[in-house]
Amino acid sequence: MKLRELKKKLLLKTINIKSELISKYADQRDKITSLVDMLIVKIHNLREHTLSDFIFTIYNISKEFPEFEELIKIVMSYEKNTS
């Protein structure tokens, strides 16, 4: 898997998670939207040398919204394919 494919998968999954979370936690819509917007910018700017920062960000966000752990799984599959 190439980096651009990883970014595409991450973007699609992030958008799906956003919809899922907003339907589940409608009262936290603004917070969810802010977090997803931040993740989308990080995904857009993602490079090989920023992967660890991205994983750390997902890890922190997933403490509050475990649904984001799916993104870590996607990154892990990318890492397996590139090493």
Protein backbone atom coordinates (compact mmCIF):
# COMPACT_ATOMS: atom_id res chain seq x y z
CA MET A 1 0.00 0.00 0.00
CA LYS A 2 1.32 3.41 -0.92
CA LEU A 3 1.05 6.50 1.24
CA ARG A 4 -1.65 8.03 -0.96
CA GLU A 5 -3.74 4.86 -0.57
CA LEU A 6 -3.28 5.03 3.18
CA LYS A 7 -4.44 8.64 3.18
CA LYS A 8 -7.51 7.76 1.12
CA LYS A 9 -8.45 4.91 3.47
CA LEU A 10 -7.92 7.09 6.52
CA LEU A 11 -10.01 9.93 5.11
CA LEU A 12 -12.90 7.64 4.21
CA LYS A 13 -12.84 5.90 7.58
CA THR A 14 -12.61 9.21 9.44
CA ILE A 15 -15.66 10.56 7.62
CA ASN A 16 -17.57 7.34 8.41
CA ILE A 17 -16.58 7.53 12.06
CA LYS A 18 -17.70 11.16 12.20
CA SER A 19 -21.19 10.22 10.98
CA GLU A 20 -21.35 7.33 13.42
CA LEU A 21 -20.26 9.46 16.37
CA ILE A 22 -22.60 12.35 15.59
CA SER A 23 -25.56 9.99 15.45
CA LYS A 24 -24.44 8.37 18.71
CA TYR A 25 -23.44 11.54 20.60
CA ALA A 26 -25.52 14.35 19.08
CA ASP A 27 -24.86 16.56 22.11
CA GLN A 28 -21.10 16.52 21.32
CA ARG A 29 -21.44 17.42 17.65
CA ASP A 30 -19.14 20.47 17.82
CA LYS A 31 -16.38 18.59 19.63
CA ILE A 32 -16.58 15.66 17.22
CA THR A 33 -16.53 17.99 14.22
CA SER A 34 -13.48 19.82 15.58
CA LEU A 35 -11.59 16.59 16.20
CA VAL A 36 -12.44 15.22 12.77
CA ASP A 37 -11.44 18.48 11.09
CA MET A 38 -8.08 18.33 12.88
CA LEU A 39 -7.61 14.70 11.82
CA ILE A 40 -8.46 15.49 8.21
CA VAL A 41 -5.78 18.19 8.13
CA LYS A 42 -3.28 15.77 9.70
CA ILE A 43 -4.18 13.09 7.16
CA HIS A 44 -3.82 15.56 4.30
CA ASN A 45 -0.34 16.54 5.55
CA LEU A 46 0.65 12.98 6.44
CA ARG A 47 4.14 11.89 5.42
CA GLU A 48 6.30 8.94 6.41
CA HIS A 49 8.12 11.00 9.03
CA THR A 50 4.85 12.29 10.59
CA LEU A 51 3.22 8.89 11.04
CA SER A 52 4.25 8.57 14.69
CA ASP A 53 2.74 11.97 15.49
CA PHE A 54 -0.47 10.95 13.73
CA ILE A 55 -0.65 7.68 15.68
CA PHE A 56 -0.09 9.56 18.93
CA THR A 57 -2.93 11.95 18.05
CA ILE A 58 -5.29 9.08 17.27
CA TYR A 59 -4.30 7.35 20.49
CA ASN A 60 -5.20 10.44 22.52
CA ILE A 61 -8.49 11.02 20.72
CA SER A 62 -9.47 7.38 21.08
CA LYS A 63 -9.34 7.69 24.86
CA GLU A 64 -12.56 9.67 24.60
CA PHE A 65 -13.96 8.15 21.40
CA PRO A 66 -12.73 4.54 21.03
CA GLU A 67 -14.21 4.38 17.53
CA PHE A 68 -11.08 6.16 16.28
CA GLU A 69 -8.97 3.11 17.14
CA GLU A 70 -9.98 1.79 13.72
CA LEU A 71 -7.60 4.36 12.22
CA ILE A 72 -4.69 2.86 14.15
CA LYS A 73 -5.51 -0.54 12.65
CA ILE A 74 -5.35 0.98 9.15
CA VAL A 75 -1.95 2.53 9.88
CA MET A 76 -0.70 -0.76 11.32
CA SER A 77 -1.66 -2.61 8.14
CA TYR A 78 0.20 0.04 6.15
CA GLU A 79 3.28 -0.42 8.35
CA LYS A 80 3.20 -4.20 7.86
CA ASN A 81 3.11 -3.76 4.11
CA THR A 82 5.98 -1.28 3.98
CA SER A 83 8.40 -3.03 6.29
